Amino acid sequence: MESWFVYLIRTSSGTLYTGITKDIQRRFTEHSNGGTKAAKALRGKGPLTLEYQVKTRDKSSALKLEIAIKKWPKQKKEALIAGALELPILLD
């Protein structure tokens, strides 16, 4: 079974970006370099900081959690980053 991760990246202006990947370091490097594989929302917004990452059971769980987090207000995302919020049972 492949490991999938949900992650949050903070831009230099404080905006939080949520994504999923199988390889956190590779994906963060792609975003940071701002090349063709970087998310358009992050290009030119550096320096970037990887603020949060969590391993999920599978790709389906990662997608569901990503969608849920993207709907949250910033305050709730900040609580997740700070460790003051527990996630739904989609994790490993």
C-alpha atoms as a PDB file:
ATOM      1  CA  MET A   1       0.000   0.000   0.000  1.00  0.00           C
ATOM      2  CA  GLU A   2       1.308   3.421  -0.964  1.00  0.00           C
ATOM      3  CA  SER A   3       1.664   6.169   1.610  1.00  0.00           C
ATOM      4  CA  TRP A   4      -0.117   9.444   0.854  1.00  0.00           C
ATOM      5  CA  PHE A   5       0.287  12.710   2.706  1.00  0.00           C
ATOM      6  CA  VAL A   6      -1.712  15.893   3.106  1.00  0.00           C
ATOM      7  CA  TYR A   7       0.407  19.006   3.585  1.00  0.00           C
ATOM      8  CA  LEU A   8       0.061  22.730   4.202  1.00  0.00           C
ATOM      9  CA  ILE A   9       2.541  25.271   2.875  1.00  0.00           C
ATOM     10  CA  ARG A  10       2.715  28.908   3.991  1.00  0.00           C
ATOM     11  CA  THR A  11       3.657  31.607   1.479  1.00  0.00           C
ATOM     12  CA  SER A  12       5.673  34.708   2.329  1.00  0.00           C
ATOM     13  CA  SER A  13       2.398  36.652   2.665  1.00  0.00           C
ATOM     14  CA  GLY A  14       0.996  34.107   5.154  1.00  0.00           C
ATOM     15  CA  THR A  15      -1.443  32.376   2.806  1.00  0.00           C
ATOM     16  CA  LEU A  16      -1.844  28.636   3.396  1.00  0.00           C
ATOM     17  CA  TYR A  17      -1.856  26.173   0.479  1.00  0.00           C
ATOM     18  CA  THR A  18      -3.127  22.599   0.928  1.00  0.00           C
ATOM     19  CA  GLY A  19      -2.096  19.653  -1.238  1.00  0.00           C
ATOM     20  CA  ILE A  20      -1.480  15.907  -1.353  1.00  0.00           C
ATOM     21  CA  THR A  21       1.511  13.848  -2.448  1.00  0.00           C
ATOM     22  CA  LYS A  22       3.317  10.547  -2.035  1.00  0.00           C
ATOM     23  CA  ASP A  23       6.673  12.311  -1.522  1.00  0.00           C
ATOM     24  CA  ILE A  24       6.599  15.411   0.682  1.00  0.00           C
ATOM     25  CA  GLN A  25      10.207  16.521   0.146  1.00  0.00           C
ATOM     26  CA  ARG A  26      10.067  16.160  -3.646  1.00  0.00           C
ATOM     27  CA  ARG A  27       6.779  18.055  -3.870  1.00  0.00           C
ATOM     28  CA  PHE A  28       7.903  20.845  -1.546  1.00  0.00           C
ATOM     29  CA  THR A  29      11.084  21.255  -3.612  1.00  0.00           C
ATOM     30  CA  GLU A  30       8.994  21.489  -6.791  1.00  0.00           C
ATOM     31  CA  HIS A  31       6.813  24.179  -5.233  1.00  0.00           C
ATOM     32  CA  SER A  32       9.824  26.076  -3.858  1.00  0.00           C
ATOM     33  CA  ASN A  33      11.635  26.066  -7.204  1.00  0.00           C
ATOM     34  CA  GLY A  34       8.573  27.537  -8.926  1.00  0.00           C
ATOM     35  CA  GLY A  35       9.015  25.470 -12.087  1.00  0.00           C
ATOM     36  CA  THR A  36       6.395  23.940 -14.339  1.00  0.00           C
ATOM     37  CA  LYS A  37       5.494  21.306 -11.740  1.00  0.00           C
ATOM     38  CA  ALA A  38       4.871  23.875  -8.997  1.00  0.00           C
ATOM     39  CA  ALA A  39       1.304  24.786  -8.153  1.00  0.00           C
ATOM     40  CA  LYS A  40       0.370  28.000  -9.962  1.00  0.00           C
ATOM     41  CA  ALA A  41      -0.995  29.367  -6.689  1.00  0.00           C
ATOM     42  CA  LEU A  42       2.517  29.187  -5.187  1.00  0.00           C
ATOM     43  CA  ARG A  43       4.640  30.521  -8.054  1.00  0.00           C
ATOM     44  CA  GLY A  44       6.380  33.738  -7.097  1.00  0.00           C
ATOM     45  CA  LYS A  45       5.013  33.573  -3.543  1.00  0.00           C
ATOM     46  CA  GLY A  46       8.196  32.398  -1.801  1.00  0.00           C
ATOM     47  CA  PRO A  47       9.958  31.817   0.342  1.00  0.00           C
ATOM     48  CA  LEU A  48       7.670  28.931   1.189  1.00  0.00           C
ATOM     49  CA  THR A  49       7.484  27.073   4.491  1.00  0.00           C
ATOM     50  CA  LEU A  50       6.204  23.532   4.949  1.00  0.00           C
ATOM     51  CA  GLU A  51       3.944  24.037   7.975  1.00  0.00           C
ATOM     52  CA  TYR A  52       2.140  20.734   8.349  1.00  0.00           C
ATOM     53  CA  GLN A  53       2.083  17.188   7.029  1.00  0.00           C
ATOM     54  CA  VAL A  54       0.124  14.088   7.940  1.00  0.00           C
ATOM     55  CA  LYS A  55       0.159  10.561   6.569  1.00  0.00           C
ATOM     56  CA  THR A  56      -3.193   9.124   5.480  1.00  0.00           C
ATOM     57  CA  ARG A  57      -4.367   5.567   4.828  1.00  0.00           C
ATOM     58  CA  ASP A  58      -4.515   5.901   1.045  1.00  0.00           C
ATOM     59  CA  LYS A  59      -5.017   8.321  -1.841  1.00  0.00           C
ATOM     60  CA  SER A  60      -8.784   8.411  -1.335  1.00  0.00           C
ATOM     61  CA  SER A  61      -8.375   9.435   2.319  1.00  0.00           C
ATOM     62  CA  ALA A  62      -5.808  12.063   1.342  1.00  0.00           C
ATOM     63  CA  LEU A  63      -8.143  13.554  -1.271  1.00  0.00           C
ATOM     64  CA  LYS A  64     -11.085  13.647   1.146  1.00  0.00           C
ATOM     65  CA  LEU A  65      -8.994  15.306   3.846  1.00  0.00           C
ATOM     66  CA  GLU A  66      -7.510  17.801   1.373  1.00  0.00           C
ATOM     67  CA  ILE A  67     -10.988  18.821   0.201  1.00  0.00           C
ATOM     68  CA  ALA A  68     -12.188  19.200   3.788  1.00  0.00           C
ATOM     69  CA  ILE A  69      -9.188  21.317   4.849  1.00  0.00           C
ATOM     70  CA  LYS A  70      -9.503  23.568   1.794  1.00  0.00           C
ATOM     71  CA  LYS A  71     -13.019  24.471   2.965  1.00  0.00           C
ATOM     72  CA  TRP A  72     -11.854  25.436   6.454  1.00  0.00           C
ATOM     73  CA  PRO A  73     -11.315  29.060   7.484  1.00  0.00           C
ATOM     74  CA  LYS A  74      -7.698  30.069   8.048  1.00  0.00           C
ATOM     75  CA  GLN A  75      -8.180  30.102  11.829  1.00  0.00           C
ATOM     76  CA  LYS A  76      -9.040  26.387  11.812  1.00  0.00           C
ATOM     77  CA  LYS A  77      -6.023  25.595   9.598  1.00  0.00           C
ATOM     78  CA  GLU A  78      -3.804  27.515  12.030  1.00  0.00           C
ATOM     79  CA  ALA A  79      -5.230  25.445  14.906  1.00  0.00           C
ATOM     80  CA  LEU A  80      -4.351  22.260  12.992  1.00  0.00           C
ATOM     81  CA  ILE A  81      -0.790  23.494  12.452  1.00  0.00           C
ATOM     82  CA  ALA A  82      -0.493  24.403  16.142  1.00  0.00           C
ATOM     83  CA  GLY A  83      -1.643  20.921  17.167  1.00  0.00           C
ATOM     84  CA  ALA A  84      -4.812  22.209  18.818  1.00  0.00           C
ATOM     85  CA  LEU A  85      -7.126  20.312  16.480  1.00  0.00           C
ATOM     86  CA  GLU A  86      -7.640  16.607  15.868  1.00  0.00           C
ATOM     87  CA  LEU A  87      -8.289  15.310  12.382  1.00  0.00           C
ATOM     88  CA  PRO A  88     -11.071  12.978  11.279  1.00  0.00           C
ATOM     89  CA  ILE A  89     -10.302   9.280  11.241  1.00  0.00           C
ATOM     90  CA  LEU A  90      -8.710   9.158   7.786  1.00  0.00           C
ATOM     91  CA  LEU A  91      -5.199   8.632   9.027  1.00  0.00           C
ATOM     92  CA  ASP A  92      -2.898   5.650   9.216  1.00  0.00           C
END
